[in-house]
Amino acid sequence: MSRQLASPEQPAAPRAPDVARGLVSAMRPRQWLKNVLVLAAPAAAGVLLRPSALAIALGATGLFCIVSGATYLWNDSFDVEADQRHPTKRHRPLAAGVVSIPLARAVGTIGIALAIAGGWLLAGGALALVLVSYVAVTLAYSLWLKHEPVLDLAAVATGFVLRAVAGGVAVHVPLSDWFLIVTSFGSLFVVAGKRSAEQEELGAVPGRHRATLVAYSSGYLRYVRSLASAVAIAAYCVWAFQRGALLHNGTVLFEASIAPFVLAVLRYGLRLEQGAGGAPEEVFLSDRPLQLLGVAWIVLFALGISLG
């Protein structure tokens, strides 16, 4: 009697509901908190009280949620092997094998196309161009720039800045030089902090996941954070005093907003020194003092706009 050889057990294919949940998870909805930056320029210009401008700004925010989620799918499809070597990123749907690379890229492509078309319909070619620029920078980062020290920091920070620019072009409000400086260097501060946290998390072998982490010393990243936060604070102070000088009602609300802004930067810097910052959105969602400072800043800023 011939013996039947047992074939090795094959892993079960992911079920459709698991794949659907994996796709949503891979688009990182918790990180969509970053897209509130789209509202920054309309809020600073004081136009969000107009229903039409508010609707357009919210629509642009939604489009950035779609396009950022779509580019996360593409980014993860390039990073499967690196993510599998990371202590936490190995649980991402693509690295864990829940979502296949072809499916992720197909859904990502559809999302990118829908977002760009939606931007054109919502606010014309200017918003569509910003969305195209965001996709170009993100894909360039995934394919090349993430391997280049300093350029990788600039590329990620540019993604934040393009979100802020999108809000301005969507509702047709001018973007001041000081607004762009604060946004640019504030973003660089956050990105440098993210790299510092990644170094701390990965310990002695950071290069196995991200090659540029080997090029950065902890002192260099601390220097970048110090430089970026100093420029952002200085630019915000200049903007606040200039904006306050335009008011003729004797209020100092814009000047007063400097205090919670600076304290929030210092609080976030403290959290970075404590090893947080690998996921900036998690810091903002979990740190109560930082949230209170944010509310105080928003209140002072909003009152300044309403009285101006």
C-alpha atoms as a PDB file:
ATOM      1  CA  MET A   1       0.000   0.000   0.000  1.00  0.00           C
ATOM      2  CA  SER A   2       1.485   3.301  -1.007  1.00  0.00           C
ATOM      3  CA  ARG A   3       1.865   5.888   1.643  1.00  0.00           C
ATOM      4  CA  GLN A   4       0.235   9.229   0.961  1.00  0.00           C
ATOM      5  CA  LEU A   5       2.676  12.018   1.580  1.00  0.00           C
ATOM      6  CA  ALA A   6       1.234  14.877   3.591  1.00  0.00           C
ATOM      7  CA  SER A   7       1.607  18.196   1.859  1.00  0.00           C
ATOM      8  CA  PRO A   8       2.716  21.167   3.929  1.00  0.00           C
ATOM      9  CA  GLU A   9      -0.194  23.150   5.253  1.00  0.00           C
ATOM     10  CA  GLN A  10      -0.777  26.313   3.283  1.00  0.00           C
ATOM     11  CA  PRO A  11      -1.749  29.498   5.117  1.00  0.00           C
ATOM     12  CA  ALA A  12      -5.377  30.370   4.666  1.00  0.00           C
ATOM     13  CA  ALA A  13      -6.113  33.232   2.311  1.00  0.00           C
ATOM     14  CA  PRO A  14      -7.386  36.378   4.068  1.00  0.00           C
ATOM     15  CA  ARG A  15     -11.155  36.658   4.106  1.00  0.00           C
ATOM     16  CA  ALA A  16     -12.836  39.515   2.238  1.00  0.00           C
ATOM     17  CA  PRO A  17     -13.925  41.345   5.432  1.00  0.00           C
ATOM     18  CA  ASP A  18     -10.344  41.121   6.742  1.00  0.00           C
ATOM     19  CA  VAL A  19      -9.003  42.488   3.463  1.00  0.00           C
ATOM     20  CA  ALA A  20     -11.496  45.371   3.561  1.00  0.00           C
ATOM     21  CA  ARG A  21     -10.547  46.227   7.127  1.00  0.00           C
ATOM     22  CA  GLY A  22      -6.893  45.893   6.167  1.00  0.00           C
ATOM     23  CA  LEU A  23      -7.282  48.370   3.324  1.00  0.00           C
ATOM     24  CA  VAL A  24      -8.905  50.908   5.635  1.00  0.00           C
ATOM     25  CA  SER A  25      -6.197  50.362   8.254  1.00  0.00           C
ATOM     26  CA  ALA A  26      -3.443  50.684   5.616  1.00  0.00           C
ATOM     27  CA  MET A  27      -4.837  54.094   4.680  1.00  0.00           C
ATOM     28  CA  ARG A  28      -4.086  55.121   8.293  1.00  0.00           C
ATOM     29  CA  PRO A  29      -7.214  57.076   9.228  1.00  0.00           C
ATOM     30  CA  ARG A  30      -5.688  58.092  12.577  1.00  0.00           C
ATOM     31  CA  GLN A  31      -3.031  60.006  10.659  1.00  0.00           C
ATOM     32  CA  TRP A  32      -5.688  61.982   8.824  1.00  0.00           C
ATOM     33  CA  LEU A  33      -5.514  64.328  11.806  1.00  0.00           C
ATOM     34  CA  LYS A  34      -2.623  65.954   9.910  1.00  0.00           C
ATOM     35  CA  ASN A  35      -5.098  67.105   7.285  1.00  0.00           C
ATOM     36  CA  VAL A  36      -6.609  69.714   9.613  1.00  0.00           C
ATOM     37  CA  LEU A  37      -3.687  71.800   8.333  1.00  0.00           C
ATOM     38  CA  VAL A  38      -5.828  72.345   5.232  1.00  0.00           C
ATOM     39  CA  LEU A  39      -8.053  74.534   7.415  1.00  0.00           C
ATOM     40  CA  ALA A  40      -5.157  76.647   8.721  1.00  0.00           C
ATOM     41  CA  ALA A  41      -5.002  79.292   5.986  1.00  0.00           C
ATOM     42  CA  PRO A  42      -8.807  79.781   5.718  1.00  0.00           C
ATOM     43  CA  ALA A  43      -8.981  80.017   9.520  1.00  0.00           C
ATOM     44  CA  ALA A  44      -6.141  82.566   9.650  1.00  0.00           C
ATOM     45  CA  ALA A  45      -7.921  84.641   6.999  1.00  0.00           C
ATOM     46  CA  GLY A  46     -11.175  84.507   8.971  1.00  0.00           C
ATOM     47  CA  VAL A  47     -13.278  83.132   6.111  1.00  0.00           C
ATOM     48  CA  LEU A  48     -14.506  79.928   7.755  1.00  0.00           C
ATOM     49  CA  LEU A  49     -17.546  81.772   9.101  1.00  0.00           C
ATOM     50  CA  ARG A  50     -18.825  81.954   5.522  1.00  0.00           C
ATOM     51  CA  PRO A  51     -20.773  78.733   4.791  1.00  0.00           C
ATOM     52  CA  SER A  52     -19.533  78.487   1.215  1.00  0.00           C
ATOM     53  CA  ALA A  53     -15.866  78.870   2.207  1.00  0.00           C
ATOM     54  CA  LEU A  54     -16.308  76.426   5.086  1.00  0.00           C
ATOM     55  CA  ALA A  55     -17.845  73.832   2.762  1.00  0.00           C
ATOM     56  CA  ILE A  56     -14.986  74.181   0.252  1.00  0.00           C
ATOM     57  CA  ALA A  57     -12.333  74.025   2.987  1.00  0.00           C
ATOM     58  CA  LEU A  58     -13.909  70.909   4.487  1.00  0.00           C
ATOM     59  CA  GLY A  59     -14.154  69.396   1.017  1.00  0.00           C
ATOM     60  CA  ALA A  60     -10.447  70.054   0.418  1.00  0.00           C
ATOM     61  CA  THR A  61      -9.679  68.447   3.782  1.00  0.00           C
ATOM     62  CA  GLY A  62     -11.661  65.380   2.766  1.00  0.00           C
ATOM     63  CA  LEU A  63      -9.781  65.176  -0.537  1.00  0.00           C
ATOM     64  CA  PHE A  64      -6.485  65.237   1.326  1.00  0.00           C
ATOM     65  CA  CYS A  65      -7.724  62.396   3.513  1.00  0.00           C
ATOM     66  CA  ILE A  66      -8.366  60.395   0.341  1.00  0.00           C
ATOM     67  CA  VAL A  67      -5.096  61.256  -1.392  1.00  0.00           C
ATOM     68  CA  SER A  68      -2.945  60.770   1.703  1.00  0.00           C
ATOM     69  CA  GLY A  69      -4.589  57.411   2.396  1.00  0.00           C
ATOM     70  CA  ALA A  70      -4.002  56.393  -1.216  1.00  0.00           C
ATOM     71  CA  THR A  71      -0.322  57.348  -1.101  1.00  0.00           C
ATOM     72  CA  TYR A  72       0.087  55.426   2.171  1.00  0.00           C
ATOM     73  CA  LEU A  73      -1.019  52.337   0.253  1.00  0.00           C
ATOM     74  CA  TRP A  74       1.627  52.939  -2.393  1.00  0.00           C
ATOM     75  CA  ASN A  75       4.283  53.735   0.206  1.00  0.00           C
ATOM     76  CA  ASP A  76       3.572  50.535   2.140  1.00  0.00           C
ATOM     77  CA  SER A  77       3.705  48.520  -1.081  1.00  0.00           C
ATOM     78  CA  PHE A  78       7.310  49.707  -1.546  1.00  0.00           C
ATOM     79  CA  ASP A  79       8.223  49.163   2.118  1.00  0.00           C
ATOM     80  CA  VAL A  80       6.920  45.645   2.765  1.00  0.00           C
ATOM     81  CA  GLU A  81      10.340  44.109   3.427  1.00  0.00           C
ATOM     82  CA  ALA A  82      11.552  47.005   5.578  1.00  0.00           C
ATOM     83  CA  ASP A  83       8.298  47.057   7.557  1.00  0.00           C
ATOM     84  CA  GLN A  84       8.592  43.329   8.236  1.00  0.00           C
ATOM     85  CA  ARG A  85      11.860  44.050  10.065  1.00  0.00           C
ATOM     86  CA  HIS A  86      10.272  46.809  12.209  1.00  0.00           C
ATOM     87  CA  PRO A  87       8.959  45.893  15.690  1.00  0.00           C
ATOM     88  CA  THR A  88       5.569  47.571  15.173  1.00  0.00           C
ATOM     89  CA  LYS A  89       5.258  48.258  11.434  1.00  0.00           C
ATOM     90  CA  ARG A  90       5.440  44.516  10.749  1.00  0.00           C
ATOM     91  CA  HIS A  91       1.805  44.407  11.849  1.00  0.00           C
ATOM     92  CA  ARG A  92       0.712  46.730   9.029  1.00  0.00           C
ATOM     93  CA  PRO A  93      -1.723  44.992   6.654  1.00  0.00           C
ATOM     94  CA  LEU A  94       0.674  44.736   3.704  1.00  0.00           C
ATOM     95  CA  ALA A  95       3.660  43.623   5.777  1.00  0.00           C
ATOM     96  CA  ALA A  96       1.462  41.069   7.554  1.00  0.00           C
ATOM     97  CA  GLY A  97       0.102  39.705   4.261  1.00  0.00           C
ATOM     98  CA  VAL A  98      -3.508  40.708   4.883  1.00  0.00           C
ATOM     99  CA  VAL A  99      -3.575  43.029   1.842  1.00  0.00           C
ATOM    100  CA  SER A 100      -1.708  42.105  -1.345  1.00  0.00           C
ATOM    101  CA  ILE A 101       0.620  44.559  -3.054  1.00  0.00           C
ATOM    102  CA  PRO A 102      -1.335  44.588  -6.386  1.00  0.00           C
ATOM    103  CA  LEU A 103      -4.607  45.296  -4.576  1.00  0.00           C
ATOM    104  CA  ALA A 104      -3.057  48.084  -2.500  1.00  0.00           C
ATOM    105  CA  ARG A 105      -1.599  49.734  -5.602  1.00  0.00           C
ATOM    106  CA  ALA A 106      -4.863  49.432  -7.533  1.00  0.00           C
ATOM    107  CA  VAL A 107      -6.910  50.995  -4.725  1.00  0.00           C
ATOM    108  CA  GLY A 108      -4.208  53.632  -4.210  1.00  0.00           C
ATOM    109  CA  THR A 109      -4.284  54.600  -7.881  1.00  0.00           C
ATOM    110  CA  ILE A 110      -8.071  54.904  -7.849  1.00  0.00           C
ATOM    111  CA  GLY A 111      -7.929  57.047  -4.714  1.00  0.00           C
ATOM    112  CA  ILE A 112      -5.330  59.374  -6.217  1.00  0.00           C
ATOM    113  CA  ALA A 113      -7.348  59.798  -9.415  1.00  0.00           C
ATOM    114  CA  LEU A 114     -10.571  60.491  -7.491  1.00  0.00           C
ATOM    115  CA  ALA A 115      -8.877  63.052  -5.239  1.00  0.00           C
ATOM    116  CA  ILE A 116      -7.292  64.980  -8.113  1.00  0.00           C
ATOM    117  CA  ALA A 117     -10.525  64.973 -10.112  1.00  0.00           C
ATOM    118  CA  GLY A 118     -12.422  66.045  -7.001  1.00  0.00           C
ATOM    119  CA  GLY A 119      -9.982  68.895  -6.426  1.00  0.00           C
ATOM    120  CA  TRP A 120     -10.524  70.140  -9.970  1.00  0.00           C
ATOM    121  CA  LEU A 121     -14.293  70.043  -9.572  1.00  0.00           C
ATOM    122  CA  LEU A 122     -14.241  71.615  -6.111  1.00  0.00           C
ATOM    123  CA  ALA A 123     -11.871  74.526  -6.604  1.00  0.00           C
ATOM    124  CA  GLY A 124     -10.344  74.393 -10.065  1.00  0.00           C
ATOM    125  CA  GLY A 125      -6.908  73.657 -11.406  1.00  0.00           C
ATOM    126  CA  ALA A 126      -4.965  75.279  -8.542  1.00  0.00           C
ATOM    127  CA  LEU A 127      -6.180  72.781  -5.944  1.00  0.00           C
ATOM    128  CA  ALA A 128      -5.749  69.889  -8.377  1.00  0.00           C
ATOM    129  CA  LEU A 129      -2.157  71.024  -8.976  1.00  0.00           C
ATOM    130  CA  VAL A 130      -1.448  71.048  -5.224  1.00  0.00           C
ATOM    131  CA  LEU A 131      -2.820  67.509  -4.966  1.00  0.00           C
ATOM    132  CA  VAL A 132      -0.691  66.402  -7.915  1.00  0.00           C
ATOM    133  CA  SER A 133       2.346  68.001  -6.261  1.00  0.00           C
ATOM    134  CA  TYR A 134       1.598  66.156  -3.025  1.00  0.00           C
ATOM    135  CA  VAL A 135       1.397  62.838  -4.877  1.00  0.00           C
ATOM    136  CA  ALA A 136       4.641  63.582  -6.753  1.00  0.00           C
ATOM    137  CA  VAL A 137       6.552  64.489  -3.587  1.00  0.00           C
ATOM    138  CA  THR A 138       5.170  61.487  -1.697  1.00  0.00           C
ATOM    139  CA  LEU A 139       6.039  59.004  -4.437  1.00  0.00           C
ATOM    140  CA  ALA A 140       9.477  60.581  -4.899  1.00  0.00           C
ATOM    141  CA  TYR A 141       9.991  60.148  -1.168  1.00  0.00           C
ATOM    142  CA  SER A 142       8.900  56.504  -1.271  1.00  0.00           C
ATOM    143  CA  LEU A 143      11.138  55.664  -4.237  1.00  0.00           C
ATOM    144  CA  TRP A 144      14.211  57.806  -3.622  1.00  0.00           C
ATOM    145  CA  LEU A 145      14.199  60.730  -1.195  1.00  0.00           C
ATOM    146  CA  LYS A 146      13.730  58.619   1.931  1.00  0.00           C
ATOM    147  CA  HIS A 147      17.209  57.215   1.275  1.00  0.00           C
ATOM    148  CA  GLU A 148      18.839  60.679   1.120  1.00  0.00           C
ATOM    149  CA  PRO A 149      19.734  62.352   4.441  1.00  0.00           C
ATOM    150  CA  VAL A 150      18.256  65.842   4.921  1.00  0.00           C
ATOM    151  CA  LEU A 151      16.238  65.520   1.693  1.00  0.00           C
ATOM    152  CA  ASP A 152      14.036  62.961   3.427  1.00  0.00           C
ATOM    153  CA  LEU A 153      13.284  65.473   6.198  1.00  0.00           C
ATOM    154  CA  ALA A 154      12.490  68.155   3.619  1.00  0.00           C
ATOM    155  CA  ALA A 155      10.215  65.833   1.622  1.00  0.00           C
ATOM    156  CA  VAL A 156       8.075  64.854   4.616  1.00  0.00           C
ATOM    157  CA  ALA A 157       7.891  68.470   5.795  1.00  0.00           C
ATOM    158  CA  THR A 158       6.825  69.507   2.280  1.00  0.00           C
ATOM    159  CA  GLY A 159       3.844  67.180   2.578  1.00  0.00           C
ATOM    160  CA  PHE A 160       2.672  69.156   5.614  1.00  0.00           C
ATOM    161  CA  VAL A 161       3.228  72.487   3.871  1.00  0.00           C
ATOM    162  CA  LEU A 162       1.257  71.400   0.792  1.00  0.00           C
ATOM    163  CA  ARG A 163      -1.705  70.623   3.039  1.00  0.00           C
ATOM    164  CA  ALA A 164      -1.621  74.196   4.340  1.00  0.00           C
ATOM    165  CA  VAL A 165      -1.204  75.602   0.829  1.00  0.00           C
ATOM    166  CA  ALA A 166      -4.188  73.561  -0.364  1.00  0.00           C
ATOM    167  CA  GLY A 167      -6.514  75.316   2.059  1.00  0.00           C
ATOM    168  CA  GLY A 168      -5.403  78.728   0.835  1.00  0.00           C
ATOM    169  CA  VAL A 169      -5.796  77.996  -2.860  1.00  0.00           C
ATOM    170  CA  ALA A 170      -9.108  76.215  -2.308  1.00  0.00           C
ATOM    171  CA  VAL A 171     -10.817  79.281  -0.804  1.00  0.00           C
ATOM    172  CA  HIS A 172      -8.676  81.806  -2.724  1.00  0.00           C
ATOM    173  CA  VAL A 173      -6.988  83.500   0.230  1.00  0.00           C
ATOM    174  CA  PRO A 174      -3.410  84.804  -0.073  1.00  0.00           C
ATOM    175  CA  LEU A 175      -0.712  82.994   1.865  1.00  0.00           C
ATOM    176  CA  SER A 176       1.593  85.361   3.715  1.00  0.00           C
ATOM    177  CA  ASP A 177       5.331  84.824   3.873  1.00  0.00           C
ATOM    178  CA  TRP A 178       5.172  84.449   7.661  1.00  0.00           C
ATOM    179  CA  PHE A 179       2.434  81.818   7.417  1.00  0.00           C
ATOM    180  CA  LEU A 180       4.560  79.745   5.047  1.00  0.00           C
ATOM    181  CA  ILE A 181       7.657  80.132   7.239  1.00  0.00           C
ATOM    182  CA  VAL A 182       5.820  79.034  10.389  1.00  0.00           C
ATOM    183  CA  THR A 183       4.264  76.089   8.566  1.00  0.00           C
ATOM    184  CA  SER A 184       7.521  75.014   6.916  1.00  0.00           C
ATOM    185  CA  PHE A 185       9.740  75.119   9.984  1.00  0.00           C
ATOM    186  CA  GLY A 186       7.029  73.837  12.310  1.00  0.00           C
ATOM    187  CA  SER A 187       6.706  70.843  10.002  1.00  0.00           C
ATOM    188  CA  LEU A 188      10.482  70.326   9.958  1.00  0.00           C
ATOM    189  CA  PHE A 189      10.461  70.375  13.773  1.00  0.00           C
ATOM    190  CA  VAL A 190       7.844  67.610  13.872  1.00  0.00           C
ATOM    191  CA  VAL A 191       9.613  65.509  11.222  1.00  0.00           C
ATOM    192  CA  ALA A 192      12.996  65.727  12.958  1.00  0.00           C
ATOM    193  CA  GLY A 193      11.282  64.661  16.160  1.00  0.00           C
ATOM    194  CA  LYS A 194       9.777  61.694  14.358  1.00  0.00           C
ATOM    195  CA  ARG A 195      13.242  60.583  13.227  1.00  0.00           C
ATOM    196  CA  SER A 196      14.570  60.936  16.771  1.00  0.00           C
ATOM    197  CA  ALA A 197      11.779  58.729  18.097  1.00  0.00           C
ATOM    198  CA  GLU A 198      12.456  56.138  15.401  1.00  0.00           C
ATOM    199  CA  GLN A 199      16.115  56.007  16.405  1.00  0.00           C
ATOM    200  CA  GLU A 200      15.112  55.496  20.027  1.00  0.00           C
ATOM    201  CA  GLU A 201      12.618  52.777  19.134  1.00  0.00           C
ATOM    202  CA  LEU A 202      14.933  50.796  16.840  1.00  0.00           C
ATOM    203  CA  GLY A 203      17.907  50.909  19.179  1.00  0.00           C
ATOM    204  CA  ALA A 204      21.217  49.615  17.809  1.00  0.00           C
ATOM    205  CA  VAL A 205      19.947  48.607  14.351  1.00  0.00           C
ATOM    206  CA  PRO A 206      18.006  51.608  12.956  1.00  0.00           C
ATOM    207  CA  GLY A 207      19.509  51.140   9.487  1.00  0.00           C
ATOM    208  CA  ARG A 208      17.703  47.837   9.017  1.00  0.00           C
ATOM    209  CA  HIS A 209      14.451  49.772   8.662  1.00  0.00           C
ATOM    210  CA  ARG A 210      15.500  53.225   7.419  1.00  0.00           C
ATOM    211  CA  ALA A 211      18.985  53.791   6.005  1.00  0.00           C
ATOM    212  CA  THR A 212      19.046  57.536   6.710  1.00  0.00           C
ATOM    213  CA  LEU A 213      18.722  56.920  10.452  1.00  0.00           C
ATOM    214  CA  VAL A 214      22.332  55.737  10.419  1.00  0.00           C
ATOM    215  CA  ALA A 215      23.432  59.085   8.942  1.00  0.00           C
ATOM    216  CA  TYR A 216      21.767  61.098  11.712  1.00  0.00           C
ATOM    217  CA  SER A 217      23.266  61.366  15.162  1.00  0.00           C
ATOM    218  CA  SER A 218      20.978  62.184  18.057  1.00  0.00           C
ATOM    219  CA  GLY A 219      22.867  65.470  18.426  1.00  0.00           C
ATOM    220  CA  TYR A 220      22.280  66.419  14.803  1.00  0.00           C
ATOM    221  CA  LEU A 221      18.535  65.737  15.025  1.00  0.00           C
ATOM    222  CA  ARG A 222      18.380  67.752  18.253  1.00  0.00           C
ATOM    223  CA  TYR A 223      20.122  70.592  16.399  1.00  0.00           C
ATOM    224  CA  VAL A 224      17.559  70.426  13.572  1.00  0.00           C
ATOM    225  CA  ARG A 225      14.712  70.483  16.090  1.00  0.00           C
ATOM    226  CA  SER A 226      16.224  73.463  17.879  1.00  0.00           C
ATOM    227  CA  LEU A 227      16.793  75.387  14.656  1.00  0.00           C
ATOM    228  CA  ALA A 228      13.355  74.618  13.225  1.00  0.00           C
ATOM    229  CA  SER A 229      11.454  75.431  16.409  1.00  0.00           C
ATOM    230  CA  ALA A 230      13.393  78.697  16.882  1.00  0.00           C
ATOM    231  CA  VAL A 231      12.617  79.893  13.350  1.00  0.00           C
ATOM    232  CA  ALA A 232       8.946  78.878  13.650  1.00  0.00           C
ATOM    233  CA  ILE A 233       8.562  80.695  16.969  1.00  0.00           C
ATOM    234  CA  ALA A 234      10.342  83.823  15.725  1.00  0.00           C
ATOM    235  CA  ALA A 235       8.243  83.944  12.558  1.00  0.00           C
ATOM    236  CA  TYR A 236       5.010  83.464  14.526  1.00  0.00           C
ATOM    237  CA  CYS A 237       5.969  86.285  16.899  1.00  0.00           C
ATOM    238  CA  VAL A 238       6.626  88.658  13.999  1.00  0.00           C
ATOM    239  CA  TRP A 239       3.332  87.675  12.357  1.00  0.00           C
ATOM    240  CA  ALA A 240       1.371  88.079  15.604  1.00  0.00           C
ATOM    241  CA  PHE A 241       2.749  91.554  16.308  1.00  0.00           C
ATOM    242  CA  GLN A 242       2.190  92.643  12.713  1.00  0.00           C
ATOM    243  CA  ARG A 243      -1.378  91.333  12.770  1.00  0.00           C
ATOM    244  CA  GLY A 244      -2.016  92.954  16.147  1.00  0.00           C
ATOM    245  CA  ALA A 245      -0.731  96.311  14.869  1.00  0.00           C
ATOM    246  CA  LEU A 246      -3.471  96.287  12.230  1.00  0.00           C
ATOM    247  CA  LEU A 247      -6.159  96.283  14.924  1.00  0.00           C
ATOM    248  CA  HIS A 248      -7.352  99.622  16.235  1.00  0.00           C
ATOM    249  CA  ASN A 249      -9.468  98.404  19.172  1.00  0.00           C
ATOM    250  CA  GLY A 250      -6.673  98.131  21.717  1.00  0.00           C
ATOM    251  CA  THR A 251      -6.829  94.328  22.035  1.00  0.00           C
ATOM    252  CA  VAL A 252      -3.659  92.263  22.242  1.00  0.00           C
ATOM    253  CA  LEU A 253      -5.200  88.892  21.428  1.00  0.00           C
ATOM    254  CA  PHE A 254      -2.838  88.007  18.609  1.00  0.00           C
ATOM    255  CA  GLU A 255       0.148  88.986  20.745  1.00  0.00           C
ATOM    256  CA  ALA A 256      -1.291  86.962  23.648  1.00  0.00           C
ATOM    257  CA  SER A 257      -1.581  83.898  21.393  1.00  0.00           C
ATOM    258  CA  ILE A 258       2.224  83.759  21.330  1.00  0.00           C
ATOM    259  CA  ALA A 259       2.263  82.336  24.862  1.00  0.00           C
ATOM    260  CA  PRO A 260       0.262  79.115  24.225  1.00  0.00           C
ATOM    261  CA  PHE A 261       1.991  78.696  20.853  1.00  0.00           C
ATOM    262  CA  VAL A 262       5.468  78.777  22.409  1.00  0.00           C
ATOM    263  CA  LEU A 263       4.423  76.614  25.358  1.00  0.00           C
ATOM    264  CA  ALA A 264       2.924  74.041  22.967  1.00  0.00           C
ATOM    265  CA  VAL A 265       6.200  73.884  21.040  1.00  0.00           C
ATOM    266  CA  LEU A 266       8.111  73.455  24.300  1.00  0.00           C
ATOM    267  CA  ARG A 267       5.698  70.781  25.520  1.00  0.00           C
ATOM    268  CA  TYR A 268       6.033  68.841  22.278  1.00  0.00           C
ATOM    269  CA  GLY A 269       9.813  69.200  22.496  1.00  0.00           C
ATOM    270  CA  LEU A 270       9.684  67.694  25.981  1.00  0.00           C
ATOM    271  CA  ARG A 271       7.683  64.733  24.708  1.00  0.00           C
ATOM    272  CA  LEU A 272      10.312  64.227  22.008  1.00  0.00           C
ATOM    273  CA  GLU A 273      13.048  64.156  24.646  1.00  0.00           C
ATOM    274  CA  GLN A 274      10.999  61.522  26.472  1.00  0.00           C
ATOM    275  CA  GLY A 275      11.024  59.303  23.374  1.00  0.00           C
ATOM    276  CA  ALA A 276       7.570  60.116  21.970  1.00  0.00           C
ATOM    277  CA  GLY A 277       6.982  61.572  18.502  1.00  0.00           C
ATOM    278  CA  GLY A 278       7.288  58.481  16.316  1.00  0.00           C
ATOM    279  CA  ALA A 279       3.586  58.993  15.574  1.00  0.00           C
ATOM    280  CA  PRO A 280       2.949  62.754  15.998  1.00  0.00           C
ATOM    281  CA  GLU A 281      -0.820  62.340  15.826  1.00  0.00           C
ATOM    282  CA  GLU A 282      -0.690  59.982  18.827  1.00  0.00           C
ATOM    283  CA  VAL A 283       1.115  62.636  20.871  1.00  0.00           C
ATOM    284  CA  PHE A 284      -1.548  65.227  20.097  1.00  0.00           C
ATOM    285  CA  LEU A 285      -4.373  62.786  20.797  1.00  0.00           C
ATOM    286  CA  SER A 286      -2.970  61.579  24.117  1.00  0.00           C
ATOM    287  CA  ASP A 287      -1.217  64.549  25.731  1.00  0.00           C
ATOM    288  CA  ARG A 288      -3.755  66.538  27.774  1.00  0.00           C
ATOM    289  CA  PRO A 289      -1.541  69.587  28.525  1.00  0.00           C
ATOM    290  CA  LEU A 290      -0.721  69.864  24.826  1.00  0.00           C
ATOM    291  CA  GLN A 291      -4.433  69.700  23.997  1.00  0.00           C
ATOM    292  CA  LEU A 292      -5.229  72.429  26.544  1.00  0.00           C
ATOM    293  CA  LEU A 293      -2.534  74.676  25.098  1.00  0.00           C
ATOM    294  CA  GLY A 294      -3.947  74.042  21.642  1.00  0.00           C
ATOM    295  CA  VAL A 295      -7.434  75.034  22.785  1.00  0.00           C
ATOM    296  CA  ALA A 296      -6.092  78.193  24.451  1.00  0.00           C
ATOM    297  CA  TRP A 297      -4.256  79.141  21.268  1.00  0.00           C
ATOM    298  CA  ILE A 298      -7.342  78.511  19.106  1.00  0.00           C
ATOM    299  CA  VAL A 299      -9.557  80.606  21.402  1.00  0.00           C
ATOM    300  CA  LEU A 300      -7.174  83.574  21.426  1.00  0.00           C
ATOM    301  CA  PHE A 301      -6.598  83.294  17.702  1.00  0.00           C
ATOM    302  CA  ALA A 302     -10.316  83.043  16.905  1.00  0.00           C
ATOM    303  CA  LEU A 303     -11.163  86.015  19.142  1.00  0.00           C
ATOM    304  CA  GLY A 304      -8.440  88.027  17.487  1.00  0.00           C
ATOM    305  CA  ILE A 305      -9.879  87.276  14.053  1.00  0.00           C
ATOM    306  CA  SER A 306     -13.481  88.017  15.102  1.00  0.00           C
ATOM    307  CA  LEU A 307     -12.522  91.379  16.629  1.00  0.00           C
ATOM    308  CA  GLY A 308     -10.199  92.282  13.791  1.00  0.00           C
END
